[in-house]
Amino acid sequence: MFVLLESSHAGFIEHLQEQLSSAGIDCHVLDMGRAADGELHFAIRLPLYSQMSHARHLLYRDRLFALRIDPAFRQEWHALREAPKQQALQWVTSPLALRISALAVLILLFGSLAEMLWR
């Protein structure tokens, strides 16, 4: 079994599971137990990894699938869809990425300076 998504909001996870099932994705809700903060966590699991890319497409990109989400879960839905964007922003602005960018700029500057001196 492969975990597609985890959340502490049981109603939201069950609603997503119903919507994914109606879209042809074979998935089940799994009770993951309690986290360190004491909240119950639930997951949507897929028995076949081959369905993972289609399920991710529905969750993160498909506009028609987004219209089928119950308005009561809009806040959780928006947080779910914004999470990959926030993760990418954190990677780009991480200290390691900034150091690599600074190093690349220095190499470019020294290369340009060396090219000007040799001409």
N, C-alpha and C. Protein backbone atom coordinates (compact mmCIF):
# COMPACT_ATOMS: atom_id res chain seq x y z
N MET A 1 0.83 -1.18 0.00
CA MET A 1 0.00 0.00 0.00
C MET A 1 0.88 1.25 0.00
N PHE A 2 0.44 2.25 -0.72
CA PHE A 2 1.20 3.49 -0.87
C PHE A 2 0.35 4.65 -0.35
N VAL A 3 0.95 5.50 0.47
CA VAL A 3 0.24 6.63 1.07
C VAL A 3 0.28 7.81 0.10
N LEU A 4 -0.89 8.30 -0.23
CA LEU A 4 -1.02 9.45 -1.13
C LEU A 4 -1.02 10.75 -0.35
N LEU A 5 -1.73 10.77 0.78
CA LEU A 5 -1.95 12.02 1.50
C LEU A 5 -2.26 11.72 2.95
N GLU A 6 -1.76 12.56 3.85
CA GLU A 6 -2.06 12.45 5.27
C GLU A 6 -2.69 13.74 5.76
N SER A 7 -3.56 13.62 6.77
CA SER A 7 -4.18 14.80 7.36
C SER A 7 -4.75 14.42 8.72
N SER A 8 -4.94 15.42 9.55
CA SER A 8 -5.59 15.20 10.84
C SER A 8 -7.08 15.50 10.78
N HIS A 9 -7.57 15.90 9.63
CA HIS A 9 -8.98 16.24 9.45
C HIS A 9 -9.70 15.05 8.80
N ALA A 10 -10.39 14.27 9.62
CA ALA A 10 -11.02 13.02 9.14
C ALA A 10 -12.06 13.28 8.07
N GLY A 11 -12.90 14.27 8.24
CA GLY A 11 -13.95 14.55 7.27
C GLY A 11 -13.38 14.91 5.91
N PHE A 12 -12.32 15.69 5.91
CA PHE A 12 -11.68 16.11 4.67
C PHE A 12 -11.07 14.91 3.94
N ILE A 13 -10.38 14.06 4.68
CA ILE A 13 -9.76 12.87 4.08
C ILE A 13 -10.82 11.95 3.51
N GLU A 14 -11.91 11.74 4.25
CA GLU A 14 -12.98 10.86 3.75
C GLU A 14 -13.64 11.44 2.51
N HIS A 15 -13.82 12.76 2.49
CA HIS A 15 -14.42 13.41 1.32
C HIS A 15 -13.50 13.26 0.10
N LEU A 16 -12.21 13.48 0.29
CA LEU A 16 -11.27 13.31 -0.82
C LEU A 16 -11.25 11.86 -1.31
N GLN A 17 -11.33 10.92 -0.39
CA GLN A 17 -11.35 9.51 -0.78
C GLN A 17 -12.58 9.20 -1.63
N GLU A 18 -13.72 9.75 -1.24
CA GLU A 18 -14.95 9.55 -2.02
C GLU A 18 -14.81 10.16 -3.42
N GLN A 19 -14.25 11.37 -3.50
CA GLN A 19 -14.09 12.03 -4.80
C GLN A 19 -13.08 11.29 -5.68
N LEU A 20 -12.00 10.82 -5.08
CA LEU A 20 -11.01 10.06 -5.86
C LEU A 20 -11.60 8.74 -6.34
N SER A 21 -12.37 8.08 -5.48
CA SER A 21 -13.01 6.82 -5.88
C SER A 21 -13.99 7.05 -7.01
N SER A 22 -14.74 8.14 -6.97
CA SER A 22 -15.68 8.42 -8.06
C SER A 22 -14.95 8.78 -9.36
N ALA A 23 -13.68 9.20 -9.25
CA ALA A 23 -12.88 9.50 -10.44
C ALA A 23 -12.13 8.27 -10.96
N GLY A 24 -12.35 7.12 -10.33
CA GLY A 24 -11.75 5.88 -10.81
C GLY A 24 -10.47 5.48 -10.12
N ILE A 25 -10.10 6.13 -9.03
CA ILE A 25 -8.90 5.79 -8.27
C ILE A 25 -9.30 4.85 -7.15
N ASP A 26 -8.67 3.69 -7.08
CA ASP A 26 -8.93 2.73 -6.01
C ASP A 26 -8.13 3.17 -4.79
N CYS A 27 -8.81 3.71 -3.78
CA CYS A 27 -8.13 4.21 -2.59
C CYS A 27 -8.96 3.93 -1.35
N HIS A 28 -8.28 3.95 -0.20
CA HIS A 28 -8.92 3.66 1.08
C HIS A 28 -8.39 4.63 2.14
N VAL A 29 -9.20 4.89 3.16
CA VAL A 29 -8.78 5.74 4.26
C VAL A 29 -8.21 4.83 5.35
N LEU A 30 -7.06 5.21 5.86
CA LEU A 30 -6.38 4.44 6.89
C LEU A 30 -6.19 5.32 8.12
N ASP A 31 -6.54 4.79 9.28
CA ASP A 31 -6.31 5.49 10.55
C ASP A 31 -4.86 5.26 10.94
N MET A 32 -4.07 6.33 10.96
CA MET A 32 -2.63 6.22 11.24
C MET A 32 -2.31 6.29 12.73
N GLY A 33 -3.29 6.58 13.56
CA GLY A 33 -3.05 6.68 15.00
C GLY A 33 -2.86 8.11 15.43
N ARG A 34 -2.34 8.27 16.62
CA ARG A 34 -2.14 9.61 17.18
C ARG A 34 -0.71 10.07 16.94
N ALA A 35 -0.57 11.36 16.65
CA ALA A 35 0.74 11.97 16.47
C ALA A 35 1.25 12.43 17.84
N ALA A 36 2.43 13.02 17.86
CA ALA A 36 3.03 13.49 19.11
C ALA A 36 2.19 14.58 19.76
N ASP A 37 1.45 15.35 18.95
CA ASP A 37 0.61 16.41 19.51
C ASP A 37 -0.73 15.88 20.00
N GLY A 38 -0.99 14.59 19.85
CA GLY A 38 -2.22 13.99 20.36
C GLY A 38 -3.36 13.94 19.37
N GLU A 39 -3.19 14.51 18.18
CA GLU A 39 -4.25 14.49 17.18
C GLU A 39 -4.23 13.18 16.41
N LEU A 40 -5.43 12.74 16.04
CA LEU A 40 -5.53 11.57 15.17
C LEU A 40 -5.11 11.94 13.76
N HIS A 41 -4.40 11.04 13.10
CA HIS A 41 -3.99 11.27 11.71
C HIS A 41 -4.57 10.18 10.83
N PHE A 42 -5.00 10.61 9.66
CA PHE A 42 -5.59 9.71 8.68
C PHE A 42 -4.82 9.83 7.38
N ALA A 43 -4.86 8.77 6.59
CA ALA A 43 -4.15 8.78 5.31
C ALA A 43 -5.03 8.16 4.24
N ILE A 44 -4.82 8.61 3.03
CA ILE A 44 -5.43 7.97 1.86
C ILE A 44 -4.34 7.08 1.28
N ARG A 45 -4.65 5.80 1.18
CA ARG A 45 -3.67 4.86 0.66
C ARG A 45 -4.17 4.26 -0.65
N LEU A 46 -3.22 3.97 -1.51
CA LEU A 46 -3.49 3.38 -2.81
C LEU A 46 -2.86 2.00 -2.86
N PRO A 47 -3.59 0.99 -3.32
CA PRO A 47 -2.98 -0.34 -3.42
C PRO A 47 -2.03 -0.47 -4.60
N LEU A 48 -2.19 0.36 -5.62
CA LEU A 48 -1.35 0.30 -6.81
C LEU A 48 -0.57 1.59 -6.99
N TYR A 49 0.74 1.47 -7.13
CA TYR A 49 1.56 2.67 -7.33
C TYR A 49 1.28 3.30 -8.69
N SER A 50 0.81 2.51 -9.64
CA SER A 50 0.54 3.04 -10.98
C SER A 50 -0.56 4.10 -10.98
N GLN A 51 -1.40 4.12 -9.96
CA GLN A 51 -2.46 5.12 -9.87
C GLN A 51 -2.00 6.40 -9.18
N MET A 52 -0.80 6.39 -8.62
CA MET A 52 -0.32 7.53 -7.84
C MET A 52 -0.22 8.79 -8.69
N SER A 53 0.33 8.71 -9.89
CA SER A 53 0.50 9.92 -10.70
C SER A 53 -0.85 10.50 -11.12
N HIS A 54 -1.80 9.64 -11.44
CA HIS A 54 -3.14 10.13 -11.80
C HIS A 54 -3.82 10.78 -10.60
N ALA A 55 -3.68 10.17 -9.43
CA ALA A 55 -4.28 10.73 -8.22
C ALA A 55 -3.65 12.08 -7.88
N ARG A 56 -2.33 12.20 -8.01
CA ARG A 56 -1.66 13.47 -7.75
C ARG A 56 -2.10 14.53 -8.75
N HIS A 57 -2.27 14.12 -9.99
CA HIS A 57 -2.75 15.06 -11.00
C HIS A 57 -4.13 15.60 -10.62
N LEU A 58 -5.01 14.71 -10.19
CA LEU A 58 -6.34 15.15 -9.79
C LEU A 58 -6.28 16.09 -8.60
N LEU A 59 -5.47 15.76 -7.62
CA LEU A 59 -5.40 16.58 -6.40
C LEU A 59 -4.78 17.95 -6.63
N TYR A 60 -3.70 18.00 -7.40
CA TYR A 60 -2.93 19.24 -7.47
C TYR A 60 -3.13 20.06 -8.74
N ARG A 61 -3.69 19.47 -9.80
CA ARG A 61 -3.75 20.22 -11.06
C ARG A 61 -5.12 20.28 -11.71
N ASP A 62 -5.96 19.29 -11.52
CA ASP A 62 -7.21 19.19 -12.26
C ASP A 62 -8.25 20.18 -11.72
N ARG A 63 -8.68 21.09 -12.57
CA ARG A 63 -9.65 22.11 -12.17
C ARG A 63 -11.06 21.54 -12.01
N LEU A 64 -11.43 20.58 -12.83
CA LEU A 64 -12.75 19.98 -12.71
C LEU A 64 -12.89 19.19 -11.42
N PHE A 65 -11.81 18.52 -11.02
CA PHE A 65 -11.82 17.80 -9.75
C PHE A 65 -11.96 18.79 -8.59
N ALA A 66 -11.31 19.94 -8.71
CA ALA A 66 -11.38 20.96 -7.66
C ALA A 66 -12.80 21.49 -7.49
N LEU A 67 -13.56 21.52 -8.56
CA LEU A 67 -14.94 22.02 -8.46
C LEU A 67 -15.85 21.05 -7.71
N ARG A 68 -15.46 19.78 -7.63
CA ARG A 68 -16.29 18.79 -6.94
C ARG A 68 -16.04 18.76 -5.43
N ILE A 69 -15.07 19.53 -4.95
CA ILE A 69 -14.78 19.55 -3.52
C ILE A 69 -15.86 20.36 -2.80
N ASP A 70 -16.36 19.79 -1.71
CA ASP A 70 -17.40 20.43 -0.92
C ASP A 70 -16.90 21.77 -0.37
N PRO A 71 -17.73 22.83 -0.46
CA PRO A 71 -17.31 24.14 0.06
C PRO A 71 -16.92 24.13 1.54
N ALA A 72 -17.41 23.18 2.30
CA ALA A 72 -17.05 23.10 3.71
C ALA A 72 -15.57 22.79 3.91
N PHE A 73 -14.94 22.20 2.89
CA PHE A 73 -13.53 21.82 2.98
C PHE A 73 -12.62 22.70 2.14
N ARG A 74 -13.09 23.87 1.72
CA ARG A 74 -12.30 24.75 0.86
C ARG A 74 -10.98 25.19 1.50
N GLN A 75 -11.00 25.49 2.78
CA GLN A 75 -9.79 25.96 3.45
C GLN A 75 -8.71 24.86 3.45
N GLU A 76 -9.09 23.63 3.79
CA GLU A 76 -8.15 22.52 3.77
C GLU A 76 -7.67 22.24 2.34
N TRP A 77 -8.60 22.36 1.38
CA TRP A 77 -8.28 22.11 -0.01
C TRP A 77 -7.23 23.10 -0.53
N HIS A 78 -7.42 24.38 -0.21
CA HIS A 78 -6.45 25.40 -0.64
C HIS A 78 -5.09 25.17 0.02
N ALA A 79 -5.10 24.79 1.30
CA ALA A 79 -3.83 24.51 1.99
C ALA A 79 -3.12 23.32 1.35
N LEU A 80 -3.88 22.32 0.96
CA LEU A 80 -3.31 21.15 0.30
C LEU A 80 -2.67 21.52 -1.03
N ARG A 81 -3.34 22.34 -1.82
CA ARG A 81 -2.83 22.70 -3.14
C ARG A 81 -1.69 23.71 -3.07
N GLU A 82 -1.60 24.47 -2.00
CA GLU A 82 -0.52 25.44 -1.85
C GLU A 82 0.74 24.82 -1.27
N ALA A 83 0.63 23.67 -0.63
CA ALA A 83 1.79 23.06 0.03
C ALA A 83 2.96 22.80 -0.91
N PRO A 84 2.77 22.24 -2.12
CA PRO A 84 3.94 22.04 -3.00
C PRO A 84 4.59 23.35 -3.42
N LYS A 85 3.81 24.39 -3.61
CA LYS A 85 4.38 25.69 -3.98
C LYS A 85 5.23 26.24 -2.84
N GLN A 86 4.74 26.10 -1.62
CA GLN A 86 5.49 26.58 -0.47
C GLN A 86 6.77 25.77 -0.28
N GLN A 87 6.71 24.46 -0.54
CA GLN A 87 7.90 23.63 -0.42
C GLN A 87 8.94 24.04 -1.45
N ALA A 88 8.52 24.29 -2.67
CA ALA A 88 9.46 24.73 -3.71
C ALA A 88 10.09 26.08 -3.34
N LEU A 89 9.28 26.98 -2.79
CA LEU A 89 9.81 28.28 -2.36
C LEU A 89 10.82 28.12 -1.23
N GLN A 90 10.57 27.19 -0.31
CA GLN A 90 11.52 26.94 0.78
C GLN A 90 12.82 26.37 0.25
N TRP A 91 12.75 25.50 -0.76
CA TRP A 91 13.97 24.94 -1.34
C TRP A 91 14.79 26.02 -2.04
N VAL A 92 14.12 26.88 -2.79
CA VAL A 92 14.82 27.92 -3.55
C VAL A 92 15.47 28.94 -2.62
N THR A 93 14.84 29.22 -1.50
CA THR A 93 15.37 30.23 -0.57
C THR A 93 16.13 29.62 0.60
N SER A 94 16.45 28.34 0.52
CA SER A 94 17.20 27.71 1.60
C SER A 94 18.63 28.25 1.61
N PRO A 95 19.30 28.19 2.75
CA PRO A 95 20.68 28.68 2.82
C PRO A 95 21.61 27.97 1.83
N LEU A 96 21.43 26.67 1.64
CA LEU A 96 22.27 25.94 0.70
C LEU A 96 22.07 26.44 -0.73
N ALA A 97 20.82 26.66 -1.12
CA ALA A 97 20.54 27.15 -2.48
C ALA A 97 21.10 28.55 -2.67
N LEU A 98 21.00 29.38 -1.65
CA LEU A 98 21.55 30.73 -1.75
C LEU A 98 23.08 30.71 -1.85
N ARG A 99 23.73 29.80 -1.13
CA ARG A 99 25.19 29.68 -1.22
C ARG A 99 25.61 29.21 -2.61
N ILE A 100 24.89 28.24 -3.14
CA ILE A 100 25.20 27.73 -4.48
C ILE A 100 25.01 28.84 -5.52
N SER A 101 23.95 29.63 -5.37
CA SER A 101 23.71 30.74 -6.30
C SER A 101 24.83 31.78 -6.20
N ALA A 102 25.23 32.10 -4.99
CA ALA A 102 26.32 33.07 -4.80
C ALA A 102 27.62 32.53 -5.41
N LEU A 103 27.90 31.27 -5.23
CA LEU A 103 29.09 30.66 -5.81
C LEU A 103 29.04 30.70 -7.34
N ALA A 104 27.88 30.42 -7.90
CA ALA A 104 27.73 30.47 -9.37
C ALA A 104 27.94 31.88 -9.90
N VAL A 105 27.44 32.87 -9.20
CA VAL A 105 27.64 34.27 -9.62
C VAL A 105 29.11 34.65 -9.53
N LEU A 106 29.79 34.22 -8.48
CA LEU A 106 31.23 34.51 -8.35
C LEU A 106 32.02 33.85 -9.48
N ILE A 107 31.70 32.61 -9.79
CA ILE A 107 32.38 31.93 -10.90
C ILE A 107 32.13 32.66 -12.20
N LEU A 108 30.91 33.11 -12.42
CA LEU A 108 30.58 33.86 -13.63
C LEU A 108 31.36 35.18 -13.70
N LEU A 109 31.42 35.89 -12.58
CA LEU A 109 32.16 37.15 -12.55
C LEU A 109 33.65 36.95 -12.79
N PHE A 110 34.25 35.97 -12.11
CA PHE A 110 35.67 35.71 -12.31
C PHE A 110 35.95 35.21 -13.72
N GLY A 111 35.06 34.43 -14.28
CA GLY A 111 35.22 33.97 -15.66
C GLY A 111 35.16 35.13 -16.64
N SER A 112 34.21 36.02 -16.43
CA SER A 112 34.10 37.20 -17.30
C SER A 112 35.32 38.10 -17.16
N LEU A 113 35.81 38.28 -15.95
CA LEU A 113 37.01 39.09 -15.70
C LEU A 113 38.22 38.47 -16.36
N ALA A 114 38.38 37.17 -16.24
CA ALA A 114 39.51 36.47 -16.86
C ALA A 114 39.43 36.58 -18.39
N GLU A 115 38.25 36.46 -18.94
CA GLU A 115 38.08 36.59 -20.39
C GLU A 115 38.45 37.99 -20.87
N MET A 116 38.05 39.01 -20.11
CA MET A 116 38.40 40.40 -20.48
C MET A 116 39.90 40.62 -20.42
N LEU A 117 40.60 40.05 -19.44
CA LEU A 117 42.04 40.24 -19.29
C LEU A 117 42.83 39.52 -20.39
N TRP A 118 42.34 38.38 -20.85
CA TRP A 118 43.06 37.63 -21.88
C TRP A 118 42.86 38.20 -23.27
N ARG A 119 41.95 39.06 -23.50
CA ARG A 119 41.70 39.65 -24.82
C ARG A 119 42.53 40.85 -25.03
